[in-house]
Amino acid sequence: MLKVQFTLLDSNNFYQQGLLYVLQDYIDFLNECYQYSPQSAPVEFNSLDNMEIIFRTQEDNQGCASCYISAHHTPQHQQMTMMILENQEHYHSTKHSLSFSIHRDDSTSQVRQKLQLALEHFCHQPLAVRISSLYKCHRCRLAALSACEKKVLKLMSTGMSATTIADMLQRSQKTISAHKRSAMRKLNVNKNSELNRVLLGQLGLG
């Protein structure tokens, strides 16, 4: 029998119950395939056994796939995270593939289809890719910033220009720009306007 753990991190209990029913029904279907017609199973048994599938929303207070601690003690490389998106909501992460998401208004058949596609995708990923593509929350992204990057962003949040910061820190403007670009990648922002919105929140840089 296939053993798969489901963890649902969602504040909507009614939706959780319905989703759990759909997920368990899909696992029952897979178990029947493995028992009676293994060659027709969409994913190999050994690829799925003892894995954990985590469904979460984009709420920051839930942490993220990087800082998630499994209650089932599932190794990180055996954890597959799927995002629950609101109707017409777009996922803000560029790293986490949209193939690992469902929408709250998806039908039962759509959820099953998306879950199967995600499992196929996940099981063919090299372990290093699984870890590197983990969705990171704001807290984890901040923790990834270097001391220099935090210092540059903190000064930028006061309205200082790159030239002024370079003079103050006795660094070249090129170095300051490099710190800024590196920080933007880690914070998952692509435009200066997006960075400015983050800076307005003071980033929690201390």
N, C-alpha and C. Protein backbone atom coordinates (compact mmCIF):
# COMPACT_ATOMS: atom_id res chain seq x y z
N MET A 1 0.83 -1.20 0.00
CA MET A 1 0.00 0.00 0.00
C MET A 1 0.87 1.26 0.00
N LEU A 2 0.51 2.19 -0.85
CA LEU A 2 1.23 3.45 -0.95
C LEU A 2 0.97 4.30 0.29
N LYS A 3 2.04 4.80 0.89
CA LYS A 3 1.91 5.66 2.07
C LYS A 3 2.31 7.08 1.70
N VAL A 4 1.31 7.96 1.69
CA VAL A 4 1.54 9.37 1.38
C VAL A 4 0.88 10.20 2.48
N GLN A 5 1.63 11.14 3.05
CA GLN A 5 1.09 12.03 4.07
C GLN A 5 0.62 13.32 3.41
N PHE A 6 -0.53 13.83 3.84
CA PHE A 6 -1.03 15.11 3.37
C PHE A 6 -1.05 16.10 4.53
N THR A 7 -0.49 17.28 4.30
CA THR A 7 -0.54 18.36 5.28
C THR A 7 -1.21 19.56 4.62
N LEU A 8 -2.32 20.01 5.20
CA LEU A 8 -3.09 21.11 4.62
C LEU A 8 -2.96 22.34 5.51
N LEU A 9 -2.26 23.35 5.04
CA LEU A 9 -2.06 24.59 5.79
C LEU A 9 -2.97 25.66 5.20
N ASP A 10 -4.21 25.66 5.66
CA ASP A 10 -5.21 26.57 5.12
C ASP A 10 -6.21 26.87 6.23
N SER A 11 -6.65 28.11 6.34
CA SER A 11 -7.56 28.51 7.41
C SER A 11 -9.01 28.13 7.12
N ASN A 12 -9.31 27.72 5.89
CA ASN A 12 -10.67 27.34 5.52
C ASN A 12 -10.89 25.85 5.80
N ASN A 13 -11.46 25.54 6.96
CA ASN A 13 -11.63 24.14 7.37
C ASN A 13 -12.56 23.37 6.44
N PHE A 14 -13.60 24.04 5.95
CA PHE A 14 -14.55 23.37 5.05
C PHE A 14 -13.84 22.95 3.77
N TYR A 15 -13.02 23.85 3.22
CA TYR A 15 -12.27 23.53 2.01
C TYR A 15 -11.27 22.41 2.29
N GLN A 16 -10.62 22.46 3.45
CA GLN A 16 -9.66 21.43 3.82
C GLN A 16 -10.29 20.04 3.78
N GLN A 17 -11.48 19.92 4.36
CA GLN A 17 -12.15 18.62 4.43
C GLN A 17 -12.45 18.08 3.03
N GLY A 18 -12.95 18.97 2.16
CA GLY A 18 -13.26 18.55 0.80
C GLY A 18 -12.01 18.16 0.03
N LEU A 19 -10.95 18.96 0.19
CA LEU A 19 -9.69 18.69 -0.51
C LEU A 19 -9.09 17.37 -0.03
N LEU A 20 -9.13 17.13 1.27
CA LEU A 20 -8.57 15.89 1.81
C LEU A 20 -9.30 14.67 1.26
N TYR A 21 -10.61 14.80 1.10
CA TYR A 21 -11.39 13.69 0.53
C TYR A 21 -10.94 13.40 -0.91
N VAL A 22 -10.76 14.46 -1.70
CA VAL A 22 -10.32 14.30 -3.10
C VAL A 22 -8.93 13.67 -3.15
N LEU A 23 -8.04 14.12 -2.29
CA LEU A 23 -6.66 13.61 -2.27
C LEU A 23 -6.62 12.14 -1.88
N GLN A 24 -7.38 11.78 -0.85
CA GLN A 24 -7.37 10.39 -0.41
C GLN A 24 -7.98 9.48 -1.47
N ASP A 25 -9.00 9.98 -2.15
CA ASP A 25 -9.62 9.21 -3.23
C ASP A 25 -8.62 8.97 -4.36
N TYR A 26 -7.78 9.96 -4.64
CA TYR A 26 -6.76 9.81 -5.68
C TYR A 26 -5.72 8.77 -5.27
N ILE A 27 -5.31 8.79 -4.01
CA ILE A 27 -4.33 7.80 -3.52
C ILE A 27 -4.93 6.40 -3.57
N ASP A 28 -6.21 6.27 -3.25
CA ASP A 28 -6.87 4.97 -3.35
C ASP A 28 -6.85 4.47 -4.80
N PHE A 29 -7.04 5.40 -5.74
CA PHE A 29 -6.99 5.05 -7.16
C PHE A 29 -5.60 4.55 -7.53
N LEU A 30 -4.56 5.24 -7.04
CA LEU A 30 -3.19 4.82 -7.33
C LEU A 30 -2.90 3.44 -6.75
N ASN A 31 -3.37 3.20 -5.54
CA ASN A 31 -3.15 1.89 -4.91
C ASN A 31 -3.79 0.77 -5.71
N GLU A 32 -4.96 1.03 -6.28
CA GLU A 32 -5.62 0.03 -7.13
C GLU A 32 -4.78 -0.23 -8.38
N CYS A 33 -4.23 0.84 -8.94
CA CYS A 33 -3.37 0.69 -10.13
C CYS A 33 -2.16 -0.18 -9.80
N TYR A 34 -1.50 0.12 -8.69
CA TYR A 34 -0.30 -0.64 -8.32
C TYR A 34 -0.62 -2.10 -8.02
N GLN A 35 -1.83 -2.34 -7.52
CA GLN A 35 -2.20 -3.70 -7.15
C GLN A 35 -2.63 -4.54 -8.34
N TYR A 36 -3.42 -3.95 -9.24
CA TYR A 36 -4.00 -4.74 -10.32
C TYR A 36 -3.39 -4.48 -11.70
N SER A 37 -2.85 -3.29 -11.90
CA SER A 37 -2.29 -2.97 -13.22
C SER A 37 -1.13 -1.98 -13.08
N PRO A 38 0.00 -2.43 -12.52
CA PRO A 38 1.13 -1.53 -12.24
C PRO A 38 1.63 -0.76 -13.45
N GLN A 39 1.55 -1.41 -14.63
CA GLN A 39 2.07 -0.76 -15.83
C GLN A 39 1.24 0.45 -16.25
N SER A 40 0.00 0.53 -15.76
CA SER A 40 -0.87 1.65 -16.13
C SER A 40 -0.80 2.80 -15.13
N ALA A 41 -0.06 2.61 -14.03
CA ALA A 41 0.05 3.66 -13.01
C ALA A 41 0.79 4.86 -13.58
N PRO A 42 0.31 6.09 -13.32
CA PRO A 42 0.93 7.29 -13.89
C PRO A 42 2.32 7.60 -13.34
N VAL A 43 2.61 7.15 -12.11
CA VAL A 43 3.90 7.41 -11.48
C VAL A 43 4.37 6.13 -10.79
N GLU A 44 5.68 5.87 -10.82
CA GLU A 44 6.21 4.67 -10.18
C GLU A 44 5.98 4.68 -8.67
N PHE A 45 5.67 3.51 -8.14
CA PHE A 45 5.37 3.35 -6.72
C PHE A 45 6.51 3.88 -5.84
N ASN A 46 7.74 3.47 -6.15
CA ASN A 46 8.88 3.83 -5.31
C ASN A 46 9.14 5.33 -5.27
N SER A 47 8.67 6.04 -6.29
CA SER A 47 8.88 7.49 -6.33
C SER A 47 7.96 8.23 -5.37
N LEU A 48 6.81 7.60 -5.04
CA LEU A 48 5.81 8.27 -4.23
C LEU A 48 5.75 7.79 -2.79
N ASP A 49 6.17 6.56 -2.55
CA ASP A 49 6.00 5.98 -1.22
C ASP A 49 6.75 6.79 -0.16
N ASN A 50 6.05 7.03 0.95
CA ASN A 50 6.61 7.75 2.10
C ASN A 50 6.90 9.23 1.84
N MET A 51 6.25 9.82 0.84
CA MET A 51 6.44 11.24 0.61
C MET A 51 5.34 12.02 1.33
N GLU A 52 5.54 13.33 1.44
CA GLU A 52 4.55 14.21 2.06
C GLU A 52 4.18 15.31 1.07
N ILE A 53 2.89 15.53 0.91
CA ILE A 53 2.41 16.58 0.02
C ILE A 53 1.80 17.67 0.88
N ILE A 54 2.37 18.87 0.80
CA ILE A 54 1.93 19.99 1.62
C ILE A 54 1.17 20.98 0.76
N PHE A 55 -0.06 21.26 1.14
CA PHE A 55 -0.86 22.29 0.47
C PHE A 55 -0.87 23.52 1.36
N ARG A 56 -0.50 24.67 0.80
CA ARG A 56 -0.45 25.90 1.59
C ARG A 56 -0.92 27.07 0.74
N THR A 57 -1.31 28.15 1.42
CA THR A 57 -1.67 29.39 0.74
C THR A 57 -0.46 30.32 0.77
N GLN A 58 -0.64 31.53 0.24
CA GLN A 58 0.48 32.48 0.20
C GLN A 58 0.52 33.37 1.44
N GLU A 59 -0.23 33.01 2.48
CA GLU A 59 -0.23 33.80 3.71
C GLU A 59 1.15 33.73 4.37
N ASP A 60 1.74 34.90 4.65
CA ASP A 60 3.09 34.95 5.21
C ASP A 60 3.19 34.29 6.58
N ASN A 61 2.09 34.34 7.37
CA ASN A 61 2.18 33.80 8.73
C ASN A 61 2.29 32.29 8.77
N GLN A 62 2.22 31.66 7.61
CA GLN A 62 2.36 30.21 7.56
C GLN A 62 3.79 29.78 7.27
N GLY A 63 4.71 30.75 7.17
CA GLY A 63 6.07 30.36 6.85
C GLY A 63 6.17 29.95 5.40
N CYS A 64 7.05 29.00 5.11
CA CYS A 64 7.24 28.58 3.73
C CYS A 64 7.79 27.17 3.67
N ALA A 65 8.02 26.69 2.44
CA ALA A 65 8.54 25.34 2.25
C ALA A 65 9.95 25.20 2.79
N SER A 66 10.69 26.31 2.85
CA SER A 66 12.07 26.25 3.32
C SER A 66 12.17 26.11 4.84
N CYS A 67 11.26 26.77 5.57
CA CYS A 67 11.33 26.72 7.04
C CYS A 67 10.31 25.76 7.63
N TYR A 68 9.57 25.06 6.78
CA TYR A 68 8.57 24.10 7.25
C TYR A 68 9.24 22.91 7.94
N ILE A 69 8.75 22.56 9.12
CA ILE A 69 9.24 21.39 9.85
C ILE A 69 8.14 20.34 9.84
N SER A 70 8.40 19.23 9.22
CA SER A 70 7.38 18.19 9.05
C SER A 70 7.05 17.51 10.38
N ALA A 71 5.76 17.44 10.68
CA ALA A 71 5.32 16.70 11.87
C ALA A 71 5.50 15.20 11.68
N HIS A 72 5.66 14.80 10.42
CA HIS A 72 5.84 13.38 10.09
C HIS A 72 7.32 13.02 9.93
N HIS A 73 8.20 14.02 10.15
CA HIS A 73 9.65 13.82 10.02
C HIS A 73 10.04 13.39 8.60
N THR A 74 9.29 13.91 7.62
CA THR A 74 9.59 13.60 6.23
C THR A 74 10.82 14.39 5.77
N PRO A 75 11.82 13.73 5.17
CA PRO A 75 12.99 14.46 4.66
C PRO A 75 12.56 15.53 3.66
N GLN A 76 13.28 16.63 3.61
CA GLN A 76 12.89 17.75 2.77
C GLN A 76 12.79 17.37 1.30
N HIS A 77 13.66 16.48 0.82
CA HIS A 77 13.62 16.12 -0.59
C HIS A 77 12.43 15.24 -0.94
N GLN A 78 11.68 14.76 0.09
CA GLN A 78 10.48 13.97 -0.16
C GLN A 78 9.21 14.77 0.12
N GLN A 79 9.36 16.08 0.29
CA GLN A 79 8.22 16.96 0.52
C GLN A 79 7.88 17.70 -0.78
N MET A 80 6.66 17.57 -1.22
CA MET A 80 6.21 18.31 -2.40
C MET A 80 5.20 19.36 -1.94
N THR A 81 5.49 20.61 -2.25
CA THR A 81 4.61 21.71 -1.85
C THR A 81 3.75 22.15 -3.02
N MET A 82 2.44 22.26 -2.76
CA MET A 82 1.51 22.79 -3.75
C MET A 82 0.81 24.00 -3.16
N MET A 83 0.68 25.06 -3.96
CA MET A 83 0.05 26.28 -3.49
C MET A 83 -1.44 26.26 -3.78
N ILE A 84 -2.23 26.72 -2.81
CA ILE A 84 -3.67 26.91 -3.00
C ILE A 84 -3.87 28.39 -3.34
N LEU A 85 -4.23 28.67 -4.57
CA LEU A 85 -4.41 30.05 -5.01
C LEU A 85 -5.89 30.41 -5.01
N GLU A 86 -6.17 31.66 -4.67
CA GLU A 86 -7.55 32.14 -4.75
C GLU A 86 -7.93 32.28 -6.22
N ASN A 87 -9.20 32.43 -6.49
CA ASN A 87 -9.68 32.54 -7.86
C ASN A 87 -8.97 33.68 -8.59
N GLN A 88 -8.36 33.35 -9.72
CA GLN A 88 -7.66 34.31 -10.57
C GLN A 88 -6.39 34.87 -9.92
N GLU A 89 -5.97 34.32 -8.78
CA GLU A 89 -4.76 34.80 -8.12
C GLU A 89 -3.53 34.28 -8.85
N HIS A 90 -2.53 35.11 -8.97
CA HIS A 90 -1.28 34.71 -9.61
C HIS A 90 -0.23 34.44 -8.55
N TYR A 91 0.55 33.41 -8.77
CA TYR A 91 1.58 33.06 -7.79
C TYR A 91 2.76 33.99 -7.95
N HIS A 92 3.21 34.61 -6.81
CA HIS A 92 4.25 35.64 -6.90
C HIS A 92 5.66 35.09 -7.01
N SER A 93 5.85 33.79 -6.88
CA SER A 93 7.21 33.25 -6.96
C SER A 93 7.55 32.89 -8.39
N THR A 94 8.73 33.30 -8.85
CA THR A 94 9.16 32.94 -10.20
C THR A 94 9.87 31.60 -10.20
N LYS A 95 10.28 31.13 -9.02
CA LYS A 95 11.02 29.87 -8.95
C LYS A 95 10.09 28.67 -8.86
N HIS A 96 9.00 28.83 -8.12
CA HIS A 96 8.12 27.70 -7.89
C HIS A 96 7.18 27.56 -9.07
N SER A 97 7.28 26.45 -9.78
CA SER A 97 6.52 26.26 -11.01
C SER A 97 5.02 26.29 -10.75
N LEU A 98 4.27 26.88 -11.69
CA LEU A 98 2.82 26.91 -11.58
C LEU A 98 2.22 25.52 -11.69
N SER A 99 3.01 24.55 -12.13
CA SER A 99 2.51 23.18 -12.18
C SER A 99 2.34 22.62 -10.77
N PHE A 100 2.83 23.34 -9.77
CA PHE A 100 2.68 22.94 -8.37
C PHE A 100 1.65 23.83 -7.68
N SER A 101 0.51 24.05 -8.30
CA SER A 101 -0.51 24.89 -7.68
C SER A 101 -1.90 24.46 -8.14
N ILE A 102 -2.89 24.75 -7.29
CA ILE A 102 -4.29 24.56 -7.64
C ILE A 102 -5.02 25.85 -7.29
N HIS A 103 -6.20 26.04 -7.90
CA HIS A 103 -7.03 27.18 -7.55
C HIS A 103 -8.19 26.71 -6.68
N ARG A 104 -8.62 27.56 -5.80
CA ARG A 104 -9.66 27.18 -4.85
C ARG A 104 -10.97 26.81 -5.54
N ASP A 105 -11.21 27.36 -6.72
CA ASP A 105 -12.46 27.04 -7.42
C ASP A 105 -12.30 25.90 -8.42
N ASP A 106 -11.16 25.21 -8.40
CA ASP A 106 -10.96 24.06 -9.29
C ASP A 106 -11.96 22.96 -8.96
N SER A 107 -12.41 22.27 -10.00
CA SER A 107 -13.31 21.13 -9.80
C SER A 107 -12.50 19.93 -9.29
N THR A 108 -13.22 18.89 -8.86
CA THR A 108 -12.56 17.68 -8.38
C THR A 108 -11.63 17.10 -9.44
N SER A 109 -12.11 17.04 -10.69
CA SER A 109 -11.30 16.47 -11.76
C SER A 109 -10.07 17.34 -12.04
N GLN A 110 -10.21 18.66 -11.92
CA GLN A 110 -9.07 19.56 -12.14
C GLN A 110 -8.01 19.38 -11.05
N VAL A 111 -8.46 19.22 -9.80
CA VAL A 111 -7.51 19.00 -8.71
C VAL A 111 -6.75 17.70 -8.92
N ARG A 112 -7.47 16.64 -9.30
CA ARG A 112 -6.83 15.34 -9.54
C ARG A 112 -5.81 15.44 -10.68
N GLN A 113 -6.21 16.13 -11.75
CA GLN A 113 -5.32 16.26 -12.91
C GLN A 113 -4.07 17.06 -12.55
N LYS A 114 -4.25 18.17 -11.83
CA LYS A 114 -3.10 19.00 -11.45
C LYS A 114 -2.19 18.27 -10.47
N LEU A 115 -2.79 17.49 -9.56
CA LEU A 115 -1.99 16.72 -8.61
C LEU A 115 -1.15 15.68 -9.34
N GLN A 116 -1.76 15.02 -10.30
CA GLN A 116 -1.03 13.99 -11.06
C GLN A 116 0.12 14.61 -11.85
N LEU A 117 -0.14 15.73 -12.51
CA LEU A 117 0.92 16.40 -13.27
C LEU A 117 2.05 16.86 -12.35
N ALA A 118 1.68 17.37 -11.17
CA ALA A 118 2.69 17.81 -10.21
C ALA A 118 3.54 16.65 -9.73
N LEU A 119 2.89 15.52 -9.45
CA LEU A 119 3.63 14.34 -8.99
C LEU A 119 4.59 13.84 -10.07
N GLU A 120 4.13 13.82 -11.31
CA GLU A 120 4.99 13.39 -12.41
C GLU A 120 6.20 14.32 -12.54
N HIS A 121 5.93 15.62 -12.45
CA HIS A 121 7.00 16.62 -12.54
C HIS A 121 7.97 16.46 -11.38
N PHE A 122 7.44 16.35 -10.17
CA PHE A 122 8.25 16.25 -8.96
C PHE A 122 9.15 15.02 -8.98
N CYS A 123 8.59 13.89 -9.38
CA CYS A 123 9.34 12.64 -9.32
C CYS A 123 10.46 12.57 -10.36
N HIS A 124 10.38 13.42 -11.38
CA HIS A 124 11.44 13.44 -12.40
C HIS A 124 12.48 14.54 -12.13
N GLN A 125 12.27 15.32 -11.07
CA GLN A 125 13.23 16.37 -10.74
C GLN A 125 14.43 15.79 -10.01
N PRO A 126 15.64 16.22 -10.36
CA PRO A 126 16.81 15.85 -9.55
C PRO A 126 16.65 16.42 -8.14
N LEU A 127 17.24 15.77 -7.15
CA LEU A 127 17.08 16.21 -5.77
C LEU A 127 17.54 17.65 -5.57
N ALA A 128 18.63 18.04 -6.22
CA ALA A 128 19.15 19.40 -6.06
C ALA A 128 18.15 20.44 -6.54
N VAL A 129 17.42 20.11 -7.61
CA VAL A 129 16.42 21.03 -8.15
C VAL A 129 15.25 21.15 -7.18
N ARG A 130 14.86 20.04 -6.57
CA ARG A 130 13.76 20.07 -5.61
C ARG A 130 14.06 21.04 -4.47
N ILE A 131 15.29 20.98 -3.97
CA ILE A 131 15.65 21.83 -2.84
C ILE A 131 15.78 23.29 -3.27
N SER A 132 16.43 23.53 -4.41
CA SER A 132 16.68 24.91 -4.85
C SER A 132 15.40 25.63 -5.26
N SER A 133 14.36 24.87 -5.65
CA SER A 133 13.13 25.50 -6.12
C SER A 133 12.11 25.70 -5.01
N LEU A 134 12.49 25.41 -3.76
CA LEU A 134 11.56 25.57 -2.65
C LEU A 134 11.13 27.03 -2.52
N TYR A 135 9.83 27.22 -2.36
CA TYR A 135 9.30 28.57 -2.14
C TYR A 135 9.80 29.11 -0.80
N LYS A 136 10.27 30.36 -0.78
CA LYS A 136 10.78 30.98 0.44
C LYS A 136 9.89 32.14 0.86
N CYS A 137 9.55 32.19 2.14
CA CYS A 137 8.74 33.28 2.66
C CYS A 137 9.62 34.52 2.87
N HIS A 138 8.98 35.62 3.24
CA HIS A 138 9.71 36.88 3.42
C HIS A 138 10.80 36.74 4.48
N ARG A 139 10.50 36.06 5.56
CA ARG A 139 11.47 35.89 6.64
C ARG A 139 12.70 35.12 6.17
N CYS A 140 12.49 34.06 5.40
CA CYS A 140 13.62 33.26 4.91
C CYS A 140 14.43 34.02 3.87
N ARG A 141 13.75 34.83 3.05
CA ARG A 141 14.47 35.63 2.06
C ARG A 141 15.36 36.67 2.75
N LEU A 142 14.82 37.27 3.83
CA LEU A 142 15.62 38.24 4.58
C LEU A 142 16.84 37.58 5.21
N ALA A 143 16.63 36.37 5.72
CA ALA A 143 17.73 35.66 6.38
C ALA A 143 18.85 35.33 5.40
N ALA A 144 18.51 35.25 4.10
CA ALA A 144 19.51 34.90 3.09
C ALA A 144 20.38 36.10 2.69
N LEU A 145 19.98 37.30 3.08
CA LEU A 145 20.76 38.49 2.72
C LEU A 145 22.06 38.54 3.51
N SER A 146 23.12 38.97 2.84
CA SER A 146 24.41 39.14 3.52
C SER A 146 24.37 40.42 4.34
N ALA A 147 25.34 40.58 5.24
CA ALA A 147 25.41 41.78 6.07
C ALA A 147 25.56 43.03 5.21
N CYS A 148 26.36 42.94 4.15
CA CYS A 148 26.56 44.09 3.25
C CYS A 148 25.28 44.44 2.51
N GLU A 149 24.56 43.42 2.05
CA GLU A 149 23.31 43.66 1.34
C GLU A 149 22.28 44.32 2.25
N LYS A 150 22.20 43.87 3.50
CA LYS A 150 21.27 44.47 4.46
C LYS A 150 21.62 45.93 4.71
N LYS A 151 22.91 46.20 4.83
CA LYS A 151 23.36 47.57 5.10
C LYS A 151 23.01 48.49 3.94
N VAL A 152 23.25 48.01 2.71
CA VAL A 152 22.94 48.81 1.53
C VAL A 152 21.44 49.08 1.43
N LEU A 153 20.62 48.05 1.64
CA LEU A 153 19.17 48.22 1.54
C LEU A 153 18.64 49.14 2.64
N LYS A 154 19.21 49.01 3.83
CA LYS A 154 18.77 49.87 4.93
C LYS A 154 19.04 51.33 4.62
N LEU A 155 20.21 51.61 4.04
CA LEU A 155 20.54 52.99 3.66
C LEU A 155 19.65 53.47 2.52
N MET A 156 19.36 52.57 1.58
CA MET A 156 18.47 52.93 0.47
C MET A 156 17.08 53.28 0.97
N SER A 157 16.65 52.58 2.04
CA SER A 157 15.30 52.83 2.58
C SER A 157 15.17 54.24 3.14
N THR A 158 16.31 54.91 3.43
CA THR A 158 16.28 56.29 3.93
C THR A 158 16.24 57.30 2.78
N GLY A 159 16.33 56.78 1.54
CA GLY A 159 16.29 57.66 0.38
C GLY A 159 17.64 57.99 -0.21
N MET A 160 18.69 57.41 0.33
CA MET A 160 20.04 57.69 -0.19
C MET A 160 20.23 57.09 -1.57
N SER A 161 21.00 57.77 -2.39
CA SER A 161 21.33 57.27 -3.72
C SER A 161 22.50 56.30 -3.63
N ALA A 162 22.71 55.52 -4.69
CA ALA A 162 23.82 54.57 -4.73
C ALA A 162 25.16 55.30 -4.61
N THR A 163 25.24 56.50 -5.21
CA THR A 163 26.48 57.28 -5.15
C THR A 163 26.80 57.71 -3.72
N THR A 164 25.77 58.19 -3.01
CA THR A 164 25.95 58.62 -1.62
C THR A 164 26.34 57.45 -0.73
N ILE A 165 25.68 56.30 -0.95
CA ILE A 165 25.98 55.11 -0.16
C ILE A 165 27.41 54.64 -0.42
N ALA A 166 27.82 54.70 -1.69
CA ALA A 166 29.19 54.29 -2.05
C ALA A 166 30.22 55.16 -1.33
N ASP A 167 29.97 56.48 -1.29
CA ASP A 167 30.89 57.39 -0.60
C ASP A 167 30.91 57.11 0.90
N MET A 168 29.74 56.87 1.47
CA MET A 168 29.65 56.65 2.91
C MET A 168 30.36 55.36 3.34
N LEU A 169 30.18 54.30 2.53
CA LEU A 169 30.77 53.01 2.87
C LEU A 169 32.16 52.82 2.30
N GLN A 170 32.61 53.83 1.57
CA GLN A 170 33.94 53.78 0.93
C GLN A 170 34.05 52.55 0.02
N ARG A 171 33.04 52.40 -0.79
CA ARG A 171 33.00 51.33 -1.78
C ARG A 171 32.71 51.96 -3.14
N SER A 172 33.01 51.23 -4.20
CA SER A 172 32.70 51.75 -5.53
C SER A 172 31.20 51.66 -5.78
N GLN A 173 30.72 52.52 -6.67
CA GLN A 173 29.30 52.49 -7.01
C GLN A 173 28.94 51.15 -7.65
N LYS A 174 29.89 50.59 -8.38
CA LYS A 174 29.68 49.28 -9.01
C LYS A 174 29.43 48.20 -7.96
N THR A 175 30.17 48.25 -6.85
CA THR A 175 29.99 47.28 -5.77
C THR A 175 28.63 47.44 -5.12
N ILE A 176 28.21 48.68 -4.89
CA ILE A 176 26.90 48.95 -4.28
C ILE A 176 25.79 48.42 -5.19
N SER A 177 25.93 48.66 -6.49
CA SER A 177 24.92 48.18 -7.44
C SER A 177 24.87 46.66 -7.46
N ALA A 178 26.04 46.02 -7.33
CA ALA A 178 26.09 44.56 -7.30
C ALA A 178 25.38 44.01 -6.07
N HIS A 179 25.57 44.67 -4.92
CA HIS A 179 24.87 44.26 -3.69
C HIS A 179 23.36 44.42 -3.86
N LYS A 180 22.96 45.50 -4.50
CA LYS A 180 21.54 45.75 -4.71
C LYS A 180 20.93 44.67 -5.61
N ARG A 181 21.60 44.35 -6.71
CA ARG A 181 21.08 43.33 -7.64
C ARG A 181 20.99 41.96 -6.96
N SER A 182 22.02 41.63 -6.18
CA SER A 182 22.02 40.36 -5.47
C SER A 182 20.87 40.29 -4.47
N ALA A 183 20.64 41.39 -3.76
CA ALA A 183 19.54 41.44 -2.79
C ALA A 183 18.19 41.31 -3.48
N MET A 184 18.04 41.93 -4.63
CA MET A 184 16.78 41.85 -5.38
C MET A 184 16.49 40.42 -5.80
N ARG A 185 17.53 39.70 -6.22
CA ARG A 185 17.33 38.29 -6.60
C ARG A 185 16.87 37.48 -5.39
N LYS A 186 17.52 37.71 -4.26
CA LYS A 186 17.17 36.94 -3.05
C LYS A 186 15.77 37.29 -2.54
N LEU A 187 15.36 38.55 -2.74
CA LEU A 187 14.04 38.98 -2.29
C LEU A 187 12.96 38.70 -3.32
N ASN A 188 13.37 38.16 -4.47
CA ASN A 188 12.43 37.80 -5.52
C ASN A 188 11.67 39.01 -6.06
N VAL A 189 12.39 40.12 -6.25
CA VAL A 189 11.81 41.30 -6.89
C VAL A 189 12.62 41.61 -8.14
N ASN A 190 11.93 42.06 -9.17
CA ASN A 190 12.57 42.27 -10.47
C ASN A 190 12.68 43.73 -10.88
N LYS A 191 11.88 44.59 -10.25
CA LYS A 191 11.86 46.00 -10.65
C LYS A 191 12.18 46.88 -9.46
N ASN A 192 12.69 48.08 -9.76
CA ASN A 192 12.99 49.04 -8.69
C ASN A 192 11.72 49.42 -7.93
N SER A 193 10.59 49.50 -8.65
CA SER A 193 9.33 49.86 -7.98
C SER A 193 8.94 48.80 -6.95
N GLU A 194 9.20 47.52 -7.28
CA GLU A 194 8.90 46.44 -6.34
C GLU A 194 9.84 46.52 -5.13
N LEU A 195 11.11 46.82 -5.41
CA LEU A 195 12.07 46.95 -4.32
C LEU A 195 11.70 48.11 -3.41
N ASN A 196 11.23 49.21 -4.00
CA ASN A 196 10.84 50.38 -3.21
C ASN A 196 9.70 50.04 -2.26
N ARG A 197 8.75 49.22 -2.72
CA ARG A 197 7.64 48.82 -1.85
C ARG A 197 8.15 48.00 -0.67
N VAL A 198 9.14 47.15 -0.95
CA VAL A 198 9.74 46.35 0.13
C VAL A 198 10.49 47.26 1.10
N LEU A 199 11.22 48.23 0.55
CA LEU A 199 12.00 49.14 1.38
C LEU A 199 11.10 49.99 2.27
N LEU A 200 9.91 50.32 1.78
CA LEU A 200 8.98 51.11 2.58
C LEU A 200 8.58 50.38 3.85
N GLY A 201 8.63 49.05 3.78
CA GLY A 201 8.32 48.25 4.97
C GLY A 201 9.51 48.09 5.88
N GLN A 202 10.59 48.75 5.57
CA GLN A 202 11.83 48.72 6.36
C GLN A 202 12.47 47.33 6.42
N LEU A 203 11.83 46.33 5.77
CA LEU A 203 12.44 45.01 5.60
C LEU A 203 12.69 44.23 6.88
N GLY A 204 12.49 44.83 8.03
CA GLY A 204 12.84 44.14 9.27
C GLY A 204 14.34 43.93 9.37
N LEU A 205 15.10 44.87 8.83
CA LEU A 205 16.55 44.72 8.79
C LEU A 205 17.22 45.03 10.12
N GLY A 206 16.48 45.69 11.02
CA GLY A 206 17.03 45.98 12.34
C GLY A 206 18.06 47.10 12.34
